[in-house]
């Protein structure tokens, strides 16, 4: 009988320690996620329109510098990029535009 009590207390202590480790890991490694879309200027609430679109880049920083001229887009970012595609398509009126996207990325870590 005393052995089962010791095992129960050790199990509770181990569970508490593991819970603290998981909570600590989750709070330390939590970061914001920023999604970047290419599209024409939207009127009204853009959320409904963005539900139909996919981002061309997902990163951990909101300070990317994006410039464009014609169908050429330059992206400069410092940070972690979770996903990126250089084959994005959007419409300007009824005209489909497939821009050339150049990425210049520097890691922050």
PDB file of N, CA and C in Angstrom:
ATOM      1  N   UNK A   1       0.802  -1.197   0.000  1.00  0.00           N
ATOM      2  CA  UNK A   1       0.000   0.000   0.000  1.00  0.00           C
ATOM      3  C   UNK A   1       0.853   1.272   0.000  1.00  0.00           C
ATOM      4  N   UNK A   2       1.918   1.390   0.814  1.00  0.00           N
ATOM      5  CA  UNK A   2       2.731   2.597   0.791  1.00  0.00           C
ATOM      6  C   UNK A   2       3.441   2.805  -0.547  1.00  0.00           C
ATOM      7  N   UNK A   3       3.798   1.717  -1.242  1.00  0.00           N
ATOM      8  CA  UNK A   3       4.458   1.865  -2.544  1.00  0.00           C
ATOM      9  C   UNK A   3       3.541   2.539  -3.553  1.00  0.00           C
ATOM     10  N   UNK A   4       2.251   2.202  -3.557  1.00  0.00           N
ATOM     11  CA  UNK A   4       1.329   2.813  -4.506  1.00  0.00           C
ATOM     12  C   UNK A   4       1.138   4.304  -4.195  1.00  0.00           C
ATOM     13  N   UNK A   5       1.190   4.690  -2.940  1.00  0.00           N
ATOM     14  CA  UNK A   5       1.086   6.108  -2.579  1.00  0.00           C
ATOM     15  C   UNK A   5       2.303   6.876  -3.070  1.00  0.00           C
ATOM     16  N   UNK A   6       3.474   6.303  -2.939  1.00  0.00           N
ATOM     17  CA  UNK A   6       4.703   6.941  -3.415  1.00  0.00           C
ATOM     18  C   UNK A   6       4.655   7.084  -4.933  1.00  0.00           C
ATOM     19  N   UNK A   7       4.207   6.060  -5.610  1.00  0.00           N
ATOM     20  CA  UNK A   7       4.117   6.109  -7.068  1.00  0.00           C
ATOM     21  C   UNK A   7       3.123   7.183  -7.502  1.00  0.00           C
ATOM     22  N   UNK A   8       1.986   7.285  -6.810  1.00  0.00           N
ATOM     23  CA  UNK A   8       1.000   8.317  -7.135  1.00  0.00           C
ATOM     24  C   UNK A   8       1.600   9.713  -6.978  1.00  0.00           C
ATOM     25  N   UNK A   9       2.338   9.950  -5.890  1.00  0.00           N
ATOM     26  CA  UNK A   9       2.942  11.265  -5.657  1.00  0.00           C
ATOM     27  C   UNK A   9       4.036  11.557  -6.684  1.00  0.00           C
ATOM     28  N   UNK A  10       4.825  10.553  -7.043  1.00  0.00           N
ATOM     29  CA  UNK A  10       5.837  10.742  -8.076  1.00  0.00           C
ATOM     30  C   UNK A  10       5.187  11.031  -9.430  1.00  0.00           C
ATOM     31  N   UNK A  11       4.089  10.360  -9.743  1.00  0.00           N
ATOM     32  CA  UNK A  11       3.370  10.605 -10.993  1.00  0.00           C
ATOM     33  C   UNK A  11       2.824  12.021 -11.025  1.00  0.00           C
ATOM     34  N   UNK A  12       2.255  12.483  -9.930  1.00  0.00           N
ATOM     35  CA  UNK A  12       1.733  13.858  -9.861  1.00  0.00           C
ATOM     36  C   UNK A  12       2.850  14.884 -10.026  1.00  0.00           C
ATOM     37  N   UNK A  13       3.976  14.654  -9.358  1.00  0.00           N
ATOM     38  CA  UNK A  13       5.097  15.589  -9.455  1.00  0.00           C
ATOM     39  C   UNK A  13       5.650  15.634 -10.875  1.00  0.00           C
ATOM     40  N   UNK A  14       5.805  14.455 -11.488  1.00  0.00           N
ATOM     41  CA  UNK A  14       6.304  14.403 -12.865  1.00  0.00           C
ATOM     42  C   UNK A  14       5.336  15.104 -13.822  1.00  0.00           C
ATOM     43  N   UNK A  15       4.048  14.916 -13.636  1.00  0.00           N
ATOM     44  CA  UNK A  15       3.044  15.584 -14.471  1.00  0.00           C
ATOM     45  C   UNK A  15       3.133  17.096 -14.313  1.00  0.00           C
ATOM     46  N   UNK A  16       3.291  17.569 -13.095  1.00  0.00           N
ATOM     47  CA  UNK A  16       3.399  19.008 -12.852  1.00  0.00           C
ATOM     48  C   UNK A  16       4.655  19.587 -13.505  1.00  0.00           C
ATOM     49  N   UNK A  17       5.770  18.888 -13.399  1.00  0.00           N
ATOM     50  CA  UNK A  17       7.021  19.351 -14.010  1.00  0.00           C
ATOM     51  C   UNK A  17       6.889  19.395 -15.523  1.00  0.00           C
ATOM     52  N   UNK A  18       6.331  18.358 -16.125  1.00  0.00           N
ATOM     53  CA  UNK A  18       6.145  18.331 -17.573  1.00  0.00           C
ATOM     54  C   UNK A  18       5.202  19.439 -18.030  1.00  0.00           C
ATOM     55  N   UNK A  19       4.160  19.713 -17.272  1.00  0.00           N
ATOM     56  CA  UNK A  19       3.239  20.796 -17.603  1.00  0.00           C
ATOM     57  C   UNK A  19       3.953  22.146 -17.577  1.00  0.00           C
ATOM     58  N   UNK A  20       4.796  22.370 -16.593  1.00  0.00           N
ATOM     59  CA  UNK A  20       5.561  23.618 -16.526  1.00  0.00           C
ATOM     60  C   UNK A  20       6.520  23.749 -17.707  1.00  0.00           C
ATOM     61  N   UNK A  21       7.131  22.655 -18.105  1.00  0.00           N
ATOM     62  CA  UNK A  21       8.047  22.684 -19.252  1.00  0.00           C
ATOM     63  C   UNK A  21       7.290  23.031 -20.534  1.00  0.00           C
ATOM     64  N   UNK A  22       6.144  22.416 -20.742  1.00  0.00           N
ATOM     65  CA  UNK A  22       5.354  22.674 -21.954  1.00  0.00           C
ATOM     66  C   UNK A  22       4.854  24.107 -21.981  1.00  0.00           C
ATOM     67  N   UNK A  23       4.352  24.615 -20.862  1.00  0.00           N
ATOM     68  CA  UNK A  23       3.863  25.997 -20.800  1.00  0.00           C
ATOM     69  C   UNK A  23       5.011  26.975 -21.016  1.00  0.00           C
ATOM     70  N   UNK A  24       6.147  26.721 -20.423  1.00  0.00           N
ATOM     71  CA  UNK A  24       7.312  27.580 -20.624  1.00  0.00           C
ATOM     72  C   UNK A  24       7.780  27.585 -22.064  1.00  0.00           C
ATOM     73  N   UNK A  25       7.785  26.440 -22.695  1.00  0.00           N
ATOM     74  CA  UNK A  25       8.194  26.348 -24.103  1.00  0.00           C
ATOM     75  C   UNK A  25       7.218  27.100 -24.993  1.00  0.00           C
ATOM     76  N   UNK A  26       5.921  26.955 -24.718  1.00  0.00           N
ATOM     77  CA  UNK A  26       4.906  27.612 -25.550  1.00  0.00           C
ATOM     78  C   UNK A  26       4.987  29.129 -25.424  1.00  0.00           C
ATOM     79  N   UNK A  27       5.261  29.656 -24.244  1.00  0.00           N
ATOM     80  CA  UNK A  27       5.322  31.108 -24.089  1.00  0.00           C
ATOM     81  C   UNK A  27       6.612  31.690 -24.656  1.00  0.00           C
ATOM     82  N   UNK A  28       7.685  30.947 -24.588  1.00  0.00           N
ATOM     83  CA  UNK A  28       8.956  31.445 -25.115  1.00  0.00           C
ATOM     84  C   UNK A  28       8.960  31.431 -26.638  1.00  0.00           C
ATOM     85  N   UNK A  29       8.420  30.395 -27.247  1.00  0.00           N
ATOM     86  CA  UNK A  29       8.495  30.231 -28.691  1.00  0.00           C
ATOM     87  C   UNK A  29       7.278  30.763 -29.442  1.00  0.00           C
ATOM     88  N   UNK A  30       6.417  31.487 -28.782  1.00  0.00           N
ATOM     89  CA  UNK A  30       5.261  32.055 -29.453  1.00  0.00           C
ATOM     90  C   UNK A  30       5.692  33.306 -30.196  1.00  0.00           C
ATOM     91  N   UNK A  31       5.301  33.417 -31.436  1.00  0.00           N
ATOM     92  CA  UNK A  31       5.609  34.621 -32.197  1.00  0.00           C
ATOM     93  C   UNK A  31       4.439  34.961 -33.092  1.00  0.00           C
ATOM     94  N   UNK A  32       4.382  36.212 -33.505  1.00  0.00           N
ATOM     95  CA  UNK A  32       3.336  36.648 -34.408  1.00  0.00           C
ATOM     96  C   UNK A  32       3.615  36.121 -35.805  1.00  0.00           C
ATOM     97  N   UNK A  33       2.565  35.946 -36.564  1.00  0.00           N
ATOM     98  CA  UNK A  33       2.675  35.492 -37.941  1.00  0.00           C
ATOM     99  C   UNK A  33       2.053  36.556 -38.826  1.00  0.00           C
ATOM    100  N   UNK A  34       2.781  36.968 -39.843  1.00  0.00           N
ATOM    101  CA  UNK A  34       2.316  37.991 -40.777  1.00  0.00           C
ATOM    102  C   UNK A  34       2.166  37.354 -42.147  1.00  0.00           C
ATOM    103  N   UNK A  35       1.016  37.615 -42.763  1.00  0.00           N
ATOM    104  CA  UNK A  35       0.725  37.087 -44.100  1.00  0.00           C
ATOM    105  C   UNK A  35       0.744  38.234 -45.094  1.00  0.00           C
ATOM    106  N   UNK A  36       1.436  38.032 -46.197  1.00  0.00           N
ATOM    107  CA  UNK A  36       1.568  39.064 -47.224  1.00  0.00           C
ATOM    108  C   UNK A  36       0.833  38.615 -48.485  1.00  0.00           C
ATOM    109  N   UNK A  37      -0.037  39.493 -48.979  1.00  0.00           N
ATOM    110  CA  UNK A  37      -0.841  39.216 -50.161  1.00  0.00           C
ATOM    111  C   UNK A  37      -0.500  40.224 -51.248  1.00  0.00           C
ATOM    112  N   UNK A  38      -0.598  39.788 -52.495  1.00  0.00           N
ATOM    113  CA  UNK A  38      -0.509  40.696 -53.630  1.00  0.00           C
ATOM    114  C   UNK A  38      -1.901  40.824 -54.222  1.00  0.00           C
ATOM    115  N   UNK A  39      -2.376  42.044 -54.320  1.00  0.00           N
ATOM    116  CA  UNK A  39      -3.695  42.271 -54.883  1.00  0.00           C
ATOM    117  C   UNK A  39      -3.863  43.751 -55.178  1.00  0.00           C
ATOM    118  N   UNK A  40      -4.923  44.078 -55.867  1.00  0.00           N
ATOM    119  CA  UNK A  40      -5.231  45.489 -56.100  1.00  0.00           C
ATOM    120  C   UNK A  40      -5.840  46.064 -54.836  1.00  0.00           C
ATOM    121  N   UNK A  41      -5.945  47.362 -54.770  1.00  0.00           N
ATOM    122  CA  UNK A  41      -6.518  48.020 -53.603  1.00  0.00           C
ATOM    123  C   UNK A  41      -7.990  47.640 -53.473  1.00  0.00           C
ATOM    124  N   UNK A  42      -8.388  47.221 -52.278  1.00  0.00           N
ATOM    125  CA  UNK A  42      -9.746  46.762 -52.040  1.00  0.00           C
ATOM    126  C   UNK A  42     -10.565  47.832 -51.335  1.00  0.00           C
ATOM    127  N   UNK A  43     -11.806  47.939 -51.726  1.00  0.00           N
ATOM    128  CA  UNK A  43     -12.744  48.853 -51.075  1.00  0.00           C
ATOM    129  C   UNK A  43     -13.498  48.090 -49.985  1.00  0.00           C
ATOM    130  N   UNK A  44     -13.770  48.759 -48.874  1.00  0.00           N
ATOM    131  CA  UNK A  44     -14.537  48.126 -47.803  1.00  0.00           C
ATOM    132  C   UNK A  44     -13.699  47.186 -46.966  1.00  0.00           C
ATOM    133  N   UNK A  45     -14.352  46.143 -46.458  1.00  0.00           N
ATOM    134  CA  UNK A  45     -13.717  45.181 -45.571  1.00  0.00           C
ATOM    135  C   UNK A  45     -12.923  44.153 -46.390  1.00  0.00           C
ATOM    136  N   UNK A  46     -11.602  44.132 -46.257  1.00  0.00           N
ATOM    137  CA  UNK A  46     -10.802  43.205 -47.066  1.00  0.00           C
ATOM    138  C   UNK A  46     -10.826  41.765 -46.563  1.00  0.00           C
ATOM    139  N   UNK A  47     -11.337  41.518 -45.366  1.00  0.00           N
ATOM    140  CA  UNK A  47     -11.289  40.158 -44.809  1.00  0.00           C
ATOM    141  C   UNK A  47     -12.046  39.151 -45.666  1.00  0.00           C
ATOM    142  N   UNK A  48     -13.207  39.538 -46.155  1.00  0.00           N
ATOM    143  CA  UNK A  48     -13.971  38.609 -46.993  1.00  0.00           C
ATOM    144  C   UNK A  48     -13.215  38.285 -48.275  1.00  0.00           C
ATOM    145  N   UNK A  49     -12.570  39.286 -48.842  1.00  0.00           N
ATOM    146  CA  UNK A  49     -11.804  39.069 -50.061  1.00  0.00           C
ATOM    147  C   UNK A  49     -10.570  38.194 -49.787  1.00  0.00           C
ATOM    148  N   UNK A  50      -9.909  38.414 -48.646  1.00  0.00           N
ATOM    149  CA  UNK A  50      -8.696  37.656 -48.334  1.00  0.00           C
ATOM    150  C   UNK A  50      -8.980  36.198 -47.995  1.00  0.00           C
ATOM    151  N   UNK A  51     -10.211  35.877 -47.612  1.00  0.00           N
ATOM    152  CA  UNK A  51     -10.557  34.476 -47.356  1.00  0.00           C
ATOM    153  C   UNK A  51     -10.428  33.633 -48.621  1.00  0.00           C
ATOM    154  N   UNK A  52     -10.580  34.283 -49.778  1.00  0.00           N
ATOM    155  CA  UNK A  52     -10.497  33.584 -51.060  1.00  0.00           C
ATOM    156  C   UNK A  52      -9.072  33.556 -51.610  1.00  0.00           C
ATOM    157  N   UNK A  53      -8.174  34.280 -50.995  1.00  0.00           N
ATOM    158  CA  UNK A  53      -6.798  34.410 -51.488  1.00  0.00           C
ATOM    159  C   UNK A  53      -5.844  33.626 -50.597  1.00  0.00           C
ATOM    160  N   UNK A  54      -4.659  33.354 -51.123  1.00  0.00           N
ATOM    161  CA  UNK A  54      -3.600  32.755 -50.327  1.00  0.00           C
ATOM    162  C   UNK A  54      -2.417  33.724 -50.306  1.00  0.00           C
ATOM    163  N   UNK A  55      -1.722  33.810 -49.188  1.00  0.00           N
ATOM    164  CA  UNK A  55      -0.588  34.731 -49.130  1.00  0.00           C
ATOM    165  C   UNK A  55       0.587  34.216 -49.962  1.00  0.00           C
ATOM    166  N   UNK A  56       1.358  35.153 -50.509  1.00  0.00           N
ATOM    167  CA  UNK A  56       2.552  34.731 -51.239  1.00  0.00           C
ATOM    168  C   UNK A  56       3.726  34.551 -50.286  1.00  0.00           C
ATOM    169  N   UNK A  57       3.605  35.134 -49.071  1.00  0.00           N
ATOM    170  CA  UNK A  57       4.669  34.976 -48.082  1.00  0.00           C
ATOM    171  C   UNK A  57       4.067  35.016 -46.685  1.00  0.00           C
ATOM    172  N   UNK A  58       4.574  34.137 -45.810  1.00  0.00           N
ATOM    173  CA  UNK A  58       4.206  34.124 -44.401  1.00  0.00           C
ATOM    174  C   UNK A  58       5.506  34.225 -43.621  1.00  0.00           C
ATOM    175  N   UNK A  59       5.576  35.225 -42.728  1.00  0.00           N
ATOM    176  CA  UNK A  59       6.825  35.483 -42.003  1.00  0.00           C
ATOM    177  C   UNK A  59       6.536  35.850 -40.554  1.00  0.00           C
ATOM    178  N   UNK A  60       7.604  35.978 -39.771  1.00  0.00           N
ATOM    179  CA  UNK A  60       7.451  36.338 -38.364  1.00  0.00           C
ATOM    180  C   UNK A  60       7.625  37.828 -38.112  1.00  0.00           C
ATOM    181  N   UNK A  61       7.747  38.626 -39.158  1.00  0.00           N
ATOM    182  CA  UNK A  61       7.917  40.062 -38.990  1.00  0.00           C
ATOM    183  C   UNK A  61       6.964  40.818 -39.907  1.00  0.00           C
ATOM    184  N   UNK A  62       6.488  41.927 -39.411  1.00  0.00           N
ATOM    185  CA  UNK A  62       5.581  42.756 -40.195  1.00  0.00           C
ATOM    186  C   UNK A  62       6.279  43.923 -40.847  1.00  0.00           C
ATOM    187  N   UNK A  63       7.600  43.890 -40.893  1.00  0.00           N
ATOM    188  CA  UNK A  63       8.353  45.036 -41.406  1.00  0.00           C
ATOM    189  C   UNK A  63       9.019  44.766 -42.751  1.00  0.00           C
ATOM    190  N   UNK A  64       8.409  43.920 -43.559  1.00  0.00           N
ATOM    191  CA  UNK A  64       8.968  43.671 -44.891  1.00  0.00           C
ATOM    192  C   UNK A  64       8.793  44.933 -45.740  1.00  0.00           C
ATOM    193  N   UNK A  65       9.790  45.212 -46.559  1.00  0.00           N
ATOM    194  CA  UNK A  65       9.706  46.367 -47.473  1.00  0.00           C
ATOM    195  C   UNK A  65       9.373  45.811 -48.848  1.00  0.00           C
ATOM    196  N   UNK A  66       8.211  46.210 -49.348  1.00  0.00           N
ATOM    197  CA  UNK A  66       7.736  45.693 -50.631  1.00  0.00           C
ATOM    198  C   UNK A  66       7.524  46.861 -51.574  1.00  0.00           C
ATOM    199  N   UNK A  67       8.183  46.790 -52.712  1.00  0.00           N
ATOM    200  CA  UNK A  67       8.039  47.820 -53.733  1.00  0.00           C
ATOM    201  C   UNK A  67       7.690  47.147 -55.048  1.00  0.00           C
ATOM    202  N   UNK A  68       7.055  47.891 -55.908  1.00  0.00           N
ATOM    203  CA  UNK A  68       6.683  47.317 -57.183  1.00  0.00           C
ATOM    204  C   UNK A  68       6.692  48.348 -58.291  1.00  0.00           C
ATOM    205  N   UNK A  69       6.965  47.861 -59.476  1.00  0.00           N
ATOM    206  CA  UNK A  69       6.918  48.691 -60.668  1.00  0.00           C
ATOM    207  C   UNK A  69       6.442  47.812 -61.818  1.00  0.00           C
ATOM    208  N   UNK A  70       5.288  48.153 -62.378  1.00  0.00           N
ATOM    209  CA  UNK A  70       4.725  47.315 -63.430  1.00  0.00           C
ATOM    210  C   UNK A  70       4.361  45.958 -62.865  1.00  0.00           C
ATOM    211  N   UNK A  71       4.870  44.917 -63.462  1.00  0.00           N
ATOM    212  CA  UNK A  71       4.601  43.565 -62.966  1.00  0.00           C
ATOM    213  C   UNK A  71       5.801  42.984 -62.226  1.00  0.00           C
ATOM    214  N   UNK A  72       6.685  43.834 -61.732  1.00  0.00           N
ATOM    215  CA  UNK A  72       7.878  43.409 -61.003  1.00  0.00           C
ATOM    216  C   UNK A  72       7.731  43.835 -59.537  1.00  0.00           C
ATOM    217  N   UNK A  73       7.888  42.891 -58.608  1.00  0.00           N
ATOM    218  CA  UNK A  73       7.739  43.153 -57.170  1.00  0.00           C
ATOM    219  C   UNK A  73       9.033  42.781 -56.472  1.00  0.00           C
ATOM    220  N   UNK A  74       9.556  43.703 -55.663  1.00  0.00           N
ATOM    221  CA  UNK A  74      10.755  43.456 -54.849  1.00  0.00           C
ATOM    222  C   UNK A  74      10.351  43.351 -53.385  1.00  0.00           C
ATOM    223  N   UNK A  75      10.823  42.309 -52.718  1.00  0.00           N
ATOM    224  CA  UNK A  75      10.530  42.092 -51.300  1.00  0.00           C
ATOM    225  C   UNK A  75      11.853  42.010 -50.558  1.00  0.00           C
ATOM    226  N   UNK A  76      12.015  42.851 -49.544  1.00  0.00           N
ATOM    227  CA  UNK A  76      13.197  42.819 -48.679  1.00  0.00           C
ATOM    228  C   UNK A  76      12.713  42.597 -47.252  1.00  0.00           C
ATOM    229  N   UNK A  77      13.254  41.575 -46.609  1.00  0.00           N
ATOM    230  CA  UNK A  77      12.780  41.227 -45.271  1.00  0.00           C
ATOM    231  C   UNK A  77      13.942  40.722 -44.427  1.00  0.00           C
ATOM    232  N   UNK A  78      13.896  41.033 -43.144  1.00  0.00           N
ATOM    233  CA  UNK A  78      14.827  40.489 -42.165  1.00  0.00           C
ATOM    234  C   UNK A  78      14.000  39.731 -41.146  1.00  0.00           C
ATOM    235  N   UNK A  79      14.228  38.432 -41.056  1.00  0.00           N
ATOM    236  CA  UNK A  79      13.460  37.603 -40.138  1.00  0.00           C
ATOM    237  C   UNK A  79      13.291  36.212 -40.689  1.00  0.00           C
ATOM    238  N   UNK A  80      12.389  35.490 -40.074  1.00  0.00           N
ATOM    239  CA  UNK A  80      12.135  34.110 -40.455  1.00  0.00           C
ATOM    240  C   UNK A  80      10.959  34.060 -41.421  1.00  0.00           C
ATOM    241  N   UNK A  81      11.135  33.361 -42.537  1.00  0.00           N
ATOM    242  CA  UNK A  81      10.064  33.180 -43.517  1.00  0.00           C
ATOM    243  C   UNK A  81       9.564  31.753 -43.394  1.00  0.00           C
ATOM    244  N   UNK A  82       8.270  31.611 -43.134  1.00  0.00           N
ATOM    245  CA  UNK A  82       7.679  30.283 -42.985  1.00  0.00           C
ATOM    246  C   UNK A  82       7.284  29.686 -44.335  1.00  0.00           C
ATOM    247  N   UNK A  83       6.797  30.521 -45.234  1.00  0.00           N
ATOM    248  CA  UNK A  83       6.475  30.031 -46.576  1.00  0.00           C
ATOM    249  C   UNK A  83       6.586  31.180 -47.565  1.00  0.00           C
ATOM    250  N   UNK A  84       6.913  30.829 -48.810  1.00  0.00           N
ATOM    251  CA  UNK A  84       7.067  31.824 -49.870  1.00  0.00           C
ATOM    252  C   UNK A  84       6.807  31.162 -51.213  1.00  0.00           C
ATOM    253  N   UNK A  85       6.131  31.885 -52.093  1.00  0.00           N
ATOM    254  CA  UNK A  85       5.976  31.450 -53.467  1.00  0.00           C
ATOM    255  C   UNK A  85       6.166  32.650 -54.377  1.00  0.00           C
ATOM    256  N   UNK A  86       6.843  32.436 -55.473  1.00  0.00           N
ATOM    257  CA  UNK A  86       7.025  33.530 -56.416  1.00  0.00           C
ATOM    258  C   UNK A  86       6.112  33.370 -57.625  1.00  0.00           C
ATOM    259  N   UNK A  87       5.118  32.508 -57.493  1.00  0.00           N
ATOM    260  CA  UNK A  87       4.134  32.364 -58.568  1.00  0.00           C
ATOM    261  C   UNK A  87       2.750  32.689 -58.018  1.00  0.00           C
ATOM    262  N   UNK A  88       2.497  33.967 -57.861  1.00  0.00           N
ATOM    263  CA  UNK A  88       1.218  34.445 -57.356  1.00  0.00           C
ATOM    264  C   UNK A  88       0.476  35.129 -58.496  1.00  0.00           C
ATOM    265  N   UNK A  89      -0.825  35.046 -58.474  1.00  0.00           N
ATOM    266  CA  UNK A  89      -1.657  35.615 -59.521  1.00  0.00           C
ATOM    267  C   UNK A  89      -2.721  36.481 -58.866  1.00  0.00           C
ATOM    268  N   UNK A  90      -2.942  37.670 -59.390  1.00  0.00           N
ATOM    269  CA  UNK A  90      -4.047  38.492 -58.925  1.00  0.00           C
ATOM    270  C   UNK A  90      -4.630  39.239 -60.115  1.00  0.00           C
ATOM    271  N   UNK A  91      -5.792  39.820 -59.898  1.00  0.00           N
ATOM    272  CA  UNK A  91      -6.508  40.503 -60.974  1.00  0.00           C
ATOM    273  C   UNK A  91      -6.550  42.001 -60.721  1.00  0.00           C
ATOM    274  N   UNK A  92      -6.302  42.763 -61.759  1.00  0.00           N
ATOM    275  CA  UNK A  92      -6.502  44.212 -61.764  1.00  0.00           C
ATOM    276  C   UNK A  92      -7.641  44.456 -62.745  1.00  0.00           C
ATOM    277  N   UNK A  93      -8.843  44.593 -62.208  1.00  0.00           N
ATOM    278  CA  UNK A  93     -10.017  44.640 -63.067  1.00  0.00           C
ATOM    279  C   UNK A  93     -10.267  43.241 -63.604  1.00  0.00           C
ATOM    280  N   UNK A  94     -10.301  43.101 -64.911  1.00  0.00           N
ATOM    281  CA  UNK A  94     -10.475  41.784 -65.534  1.00  0.00           C
ATOM    282  C   UNK A  94      -9.174  41.232 -66.093  1.00  0.00           C
ATOM    283  N   UNK A  95      -8.066  41.889 -65.790  1.00  0.00           N
ATOM    284  CA  UNK A  95      -6.768  41.481 -66.319  1.00  0.00           C
ATOM    285  C   UNK A  95      -6.015  40.679 -65.262  1.00  0.00           C
ATOM    286  N   UNK A  96      -5.615  39.461 -65.612  1.00  0.00           N
ATOM    287  CA  UNK A  96      -4.823  38.629 -64.707  1.00  0.00           C
ATOM    288  C   UNK A  96      -3.364  39.077 -64.766  1.00  0.00           C
ATOM    289  N   UNK A  97      -2.778  39.266 -63.604  1.00  0.00           N
ATOM    290  CA  UNK A  97      -1.385  39.707 -63.522  1.00  0.00           C
ATOM    291  C   UNK A  97      -0.585  38.636 -62.789  1.00  0.00           C
ATOM    292  N   UNK A  98       0.457  38.155 -63.428  1.00  0.00           N
ATOM    293  CA  UNK A  98       1.386  37.196 -62.832  1.00  0.00           C
ATOM    294  C   UNK A  98       2.715  37.926 -62.647  1.00  0.00           C
ATOM    295  N   UNK A  99       2.939  38.528 -61.471  1.00  0.00           N
ATOM    296  CA  UNK A  99       4.134  39.346 -61.285  1.00  0.00           C
ATOM    297  C   UNK A  99       5.394  38.512 -61.097  1.00  0.00           C
ATOM    298  N   UNK A 100       6.520  39.140 -61.351  1.00  0.00           N
ATOM    299  CA  UNK A 100       7.829  38.566 -61.047  1.00  0.00           C
ATOM    300  C   UNK A 100       8.179  39.054 -59.639  1.00  0.00           C
ATOM    301  N   UNK A 101       8.380  38.125 -58.714  1.00  0.00           N
ATOM    302  CA  UNK A 101       8.649  38.481 -57.319  1.00  0.00           C
ATOM    303  C   UNK A 101      10.099  38.147 -57.000  1.00  0.00           C
ATOM    304  N   UNK A 102      10.879  39.176 -56.646  1.00  0.00           N
ATOM    305  CA  UNK A 102      12.263  38.995 -56.209  1.00  0.00           C
ATOM    306  C   UNK A 102      12.315  39.116 -54.693  1.00  0.00           C
ATOM    307  N   UNK A 103      12.925  38.142 -54.050  1.00  0.00           N
ATOM    308  CA  UNK A 103      13.016  38.111 -52.582  1.00  0.00           C
ATOM    309  C   UNK A 103      14.462  38.296 -52.155  1.00  0.00           C
ATOM    310  N   UNK A 104      14.682  39.242 -51.242  1.00  0.00           N
ATOM    311  CA  UNK A 104      15.970  39.444 -50.603  1.00  0.00           C
ATOM    312  C   UNK A 104      15.742  39.283 -49.110  1.00  0.00           C
ATOM    313  N   UNK A 105      16.170  38.152 -48.552  1.00  0.00           N
ATOM    314  CA  UNK A 105      15.892  37.841 -47.158  1.00  0.00           C
ATOM    315  C   UNK A 105      17.180  37.682 -46.366  1.00  0.00           C
ATOM    316  N   UNK A 106      17.152  38.214 -45.148  1.00  0.00           N
ATOM    317  CA  UNK A 106      18.263  38.102 -44.223  1.00  0.00           C
ATOM    318  C   UNK A 106      17.722  37.516 -42.919  1.00  0.00           C
ATOM    319  N   UNK A 107      18.343  36.468 -42.414  1.00  0.00           N
ATOM    320  CA  UNK A 107      17.913  35.870 -41.163  1.00  0.00           C
ATOM    321  C   UNK A 107      18.201  36.761 -39.989  1.00  0.00           C
ATOM    322  N   UNK A 108      17.327  36.740 -39.009  1.00  0.00           N
ATOM    323  CA  UNK A 108      17.487  37.590 -37.818  1.00  0.00           C
ATOM    324  C   UNK A 108      18.127  36.853 -36.671  1.00  0.00           C
ATOM    325  N   UNK A 109      18.357  35.555 -36.805  1.00  0.00           N
ATOM    326  CA  UNK A 109      18.863  34.777 -35.676  1.00  0.00           C
ATOM    327  C   UNK A 109      20.231  34.244 -35.937  1.00  0.00           C
TER     328      UNK A 109
END
